[in-house]
Amino acid sequence: MLAEFSVVPIGVGSSIGDQLAVALRIVDESGMPYKVNPMGTVVEGEWDDIMNLIKRCRDEIMKKEDRVLISITVDDRKGKPNRIEEKVASVEKRLGKALKK
């Protein structure tokens, strides 16, 4: 399963880098495959593991903030491991060139 999520603290001003660093430390230490992009983070794993990871990120941010907005998009497909890499590679193959990452 792939899930892209973002955890956005509300009411802290326009710069949220410090809060995002807290969440991304949790993602990095989880050992799950992930990729960070400018709008969120994509992780690969099992449903319970991913949802627990997102909850841990939320819980840590809520220790200092009063409100958080969480967006989650899930792509759950049976029998397709390593999709965090293979999904992009499949499109690149069809295009005949590498995409910017």
C-alpha atoms as a PDB file:
ATOM      1  CA  MET A   1       0.000   0.000   0.000  1.00  0.00           C
ATOM      2  CA  LEU A   2       1.124   3.534  -0.749  1.00  0.00           C
ATOM      3  CA  ALA A   3      -0.135   6.494   1.209  1.00  0.00           C
ATOM      4  CA  GLU A   4       0.639  10.137   0.694  1.00  0.00           C
ATOM      5  CA  PHE A   5      -0.034  12.296   3.701  1.00  0.00           C
ATOM      6  CA  SER A   6       0.526  15.792   4.971  1.00  0.00           C
ATOM      7  CA  VAL A   7       0.251  17.033   8.526  1.00  0.00           C
ATOM      8  CA  VAL A   8      -0.238  20.795   8.674  1.00  0.00           C
ATOM      9  CA  PRO A   9      -0.379  22.609  11.997  1.00  0.00           C
ATOM     10  CA  ILE A  10      -2.952  25.419  11.989  1.00  0.00           C
ATOM     11  CA  GLY A  11      -2.407  28.750  13.709  1.00  0.00           C
ATOM     12  CA  VAL A  12       1.392  28.772  13.839  1.00  0.00           C
ATOM     13  CA  GLY A  13       1.985  31.284  11.030  1.00  0.00           C
ATOM     14  CA  SER A  14       3.163  30.800   7.482  1.00  0.00           C
ATOM     15  CA  SER A  15       6.356  28.883   8.314  1.00  0.00           C
ATOM     16  CA  ILE A  16       5.739  25.312   9.472  1.00  0.00           C
ATOM     17  CA  GLY A  17       9.188  23.830   8.814  1.00  0.00           C
ATOM     18  CA  ASP A  18       9.969  23.170  12.477  1.00  0.00           C
ATOM     19  CA  GLN A  19       6.745  21.206  12.949  1.00  0.00           C
ATOM     20  CA  LEU A  20       7.263  19.287   9.710  1.00  0.00           C
ATOM     21  CA  ALA A  21      10.762  18.338  10.807  1.00  0.00           C
ATOM     22  CA  VAL A  22       9.248  16.739  13.923  1.00  0.00           C
ATOM     23  CA  ALA A  23       6.931  14.600  11.781  1.00  0.00           C
ATOM     24  CA  LEU A  24       9.600  13.709   9.241  1.00  0.00           C
ATOM     25  CA  ARG A  25      11.963  12.549  11.974  1.00  0.00           C
ATOM     26  CA  ILE A  26       9.265  10.066  13.012  1.00  0.00           C
ATOM     27  CA  VAL A  27       8.810   8.919   9.399  1.00  0.00           C
ATOM     28  CA  ASP A  28      12.554   8.521   8.901  1.00  0.00           C
ATOM     29  CA  GLU A  29      13.011   6.579  12.136  1.00  0.00           C
ATOM     30  CA  SER A  30      10.094   4.254  11.269  1.00  0.00           C
ATOM     31  CA  GLY A  31      12.214   2.281   8.809  1.00  0.00           C
ATOM     32  CA  MET A  32       9.377   2.318   6.280  1.00  0.00           C
ATOM     33  CA  PRO A  33      10.193   3.229   2.667  1.00  0.00           C
ATOM     34  CA  TYR A  34       9.247   6.881   2.050  1.00  0.00           C
ATOM     35  CA  LYS A  35       9.730   9.838  -0.238  1.00  0.00           C
ATOM     36  CA  VAL A  36       9.275  13.455   0.739  1.00  0.00           C
ATOM     37  CA  ASN A  37       7.877  15.910  -1.781  1.00  0.00           C
ATOM     38  CA  PRO A  38       7.012  19.611  -1.469  1.00  0.00           C
ATOM     39  CA  MET A  39       3.367  18.865  -0.636  1.00  0.00           C
ATOM     40  CA  GLY A  40       3.579  15.763   1.544  1.00  0.00           C
ATOM     41  CA  THR A  41       5.232  12.434   2.191  1.00  0.00           C
ATOM     42  CA  VAL A  42       4.636   9.097   0.475  1.00  0.00           C
ATOM     43  CA  VAL A  43       5.146   5.948   2.560  1.00  0.00           C
ATOM     44  CA  GLU A  44       4.865   2.298   1.623  1.00  0.00           C
ATOM     45  CA  GLY A  45       3.743  -0.449   3.967  1.00  0.00           C
ATOM     46  CA  GLU A  46       0.781  -2.215   5.476  1.00  0.00           C
ATOM     47  CA  TRP A  47      -2.422  -0.389   6.438  1.00  0.00           C
ATOM     48  CA  ASP A  48      -1.988  -0.605  10.212  1.00  0.00           C
ATOM     49  CA  ASP A  49       1.678   0.390  10.064  1.00  0.00           C
ATOM     50  CA  ILE A  50       0.977   3.443   7.905  1.00  0.00           C
ATOM     51  CA  MET A  51      -2.007   4.605   9.940  1.00  0.00           C
ATOM     52  CA  ASN A  52      -0.028   4.156  13.150  1.00  0.00           C
ATOM     53  CA  LEU A  53       2.821   6.196  11.658  1.00  0.00           C
ATOM     54  CA  ILE A  54       0.468   9.029  10.700  1.00  0.00           C
ATOM     55  CA  LYS A  55      -1.065   8.933  14.182  1.00  0.00           C
ATOM     56  CA  ARG A  56       2.377   9.153  15.785  1.00  0.00           C
ATOM     57  CA  CYS A  57       3.196  12.199  13.631  1.00  0.00           C
ATOM     58  CA  ARG A  58      -0.108  13.803  14.609  1.00  0.00           C
ATOM     59  CA  ASP A  59       0.306  13.026  18.289  1.00  0.00           C
ATOM     60  CA  GLU A  60       3.789  14.537  18.408  1.00  0.00           C
ATOM     61  CA  ILE A  61       2.732  17.758  16.672  1.00  0.00           C
ATOM     62  CA  MET A  62      -0.341  18.067  18.908  1.00  0.00           C
ATOM     63  CA  LYS A  63       1.924  18.161  21.963  1.00  0.00           C
ATOM     64  CA  LYS A  64       2.776  21.770  21.029  1.00  0.00           C
ATOM     65  CA  GLU A  65      -0.045  22.841  18.706  1.00  0.00           C
ATOM     66  CA  ASP A  66      -3.797  23.242  19.203  1.00  0.00           C
ATOM     67  CA  ARG A  67      -4.931  22.186  15.751  1.00  0.00           C
ATOM     68  CA  VAL A  68      -3.669  20.095  12.849  1.00  0.00           C
ATOM     69  CA  LEU A  69      -5.027  19.391   9.361  1.00  0.00           C
ATOM     70  CA  ILE A  70      -4.195  15.930   8.007  1.00  0.00           C
ATOM     71  CA  SER A  71      -4.688  14.868   4.387  1.00  0.00           C
ATOM     72  CA  ILE A  72      -4.286  11.216   3.401  1.00  0.00           C
ATOM     73  CA  THR A  73      -4.482   9.610  -0.044  1.00  0.00           C
ATOM     74  CA  VAL A  74      -4.220   5.819  -0.215  1.00  0.00           C
ATOM     75  CA  ASP A  75      -3.398   3.561  -3.161  1.00  0.00           C
ATOM     76  CA  ASP A  76      -3.923  -0.011  -2.008  1.00  0.00           C
ATOM     77  CA  ARG A  77      -3.107  -2.705  -4.581  1.00  0.00           C
ATOM     78  CA  LYS A  78      -2.626  -6.398  -3.904  1.00  0.00           C
ATOM     79  CA  GLY A  79       0.519  -8.196  -4.981  1.00  0.00           C
ATOM     80  CA  LYS A  80       2.575  -5.194  -6.014  1.00  0.00           C
ATOM     81  CA  PRO A  81       5.587  -4.658  -3.731  1.00  0.00           C
ATOM     82  CA  ASN A  82       8.111  -1.807  -4.076  1.00  0.00           C
ATOM     83  CA  ARG A  83       5.503   0.463  -5.610  1.00  0.00           C
ATOM     84  CA  ILE A  84       7.151   3.579  -4.208  1.00  0.00           C
ATOM     85  CA  GLU A  85       9.791   3.101  -6.938  1.00  0.00           C
ATOM     86  CA  GLU A  86       8.051   0.920  -9.498  1.00  0.00           C
ATOM     87  CA  LYS A  87       5.013   3.153 -10.000  1.00  0.00           C
ATOM     88  CA  VAL A  88       7.164   6.037 -11.257  1.00  0.00           C
ATOM     89  CA  ALA A  89       9.438   3.709 -13.237  1.00  0.00           C
ATOM     90  CA  SER A  90       6.398   2.348 -15.062  1.00  0.00           C
ATOM     91  CA  VAL A  91       5.388   5.815 -16.226  1.00  0.00           C
ATOM     92  CA  GLU A  92       8.971   6.686 -17.168  1.00  0.00           C
ATOM     93  CA  LYS A  93       9.140   3.542 -19.307  1.00  0.00           C
ATOM     94  CA  ARG A  94       5.995   4.595 -21.144  1.00  0.00           C
ATOM     95  CA  LEU A  95       7.418   8.093 -21.690  1.00  0.00           C
ATOM     96  CA  GLY A  96      10.831   6.802 -22.716  1.00  0.00           C
ATOM     97  CA  LYS A  97      12.596   9.196 -20.357  1.00  0.00           C
ATOM     98  CA  ALA A  98      13.272   9.912 -16.709  1.00  0.00           C
ATOM     99  CA  LEU A  99      11.033  12.359 -14.879  1.00  0.00           C
ATOM    100  CA  LYS A 100      12.222  15.001 -12.436  1.00  0.00           C
ATOM    101  CA  LYS A 101      12.222  13.667  -8.894  1.00  0.00           C
END
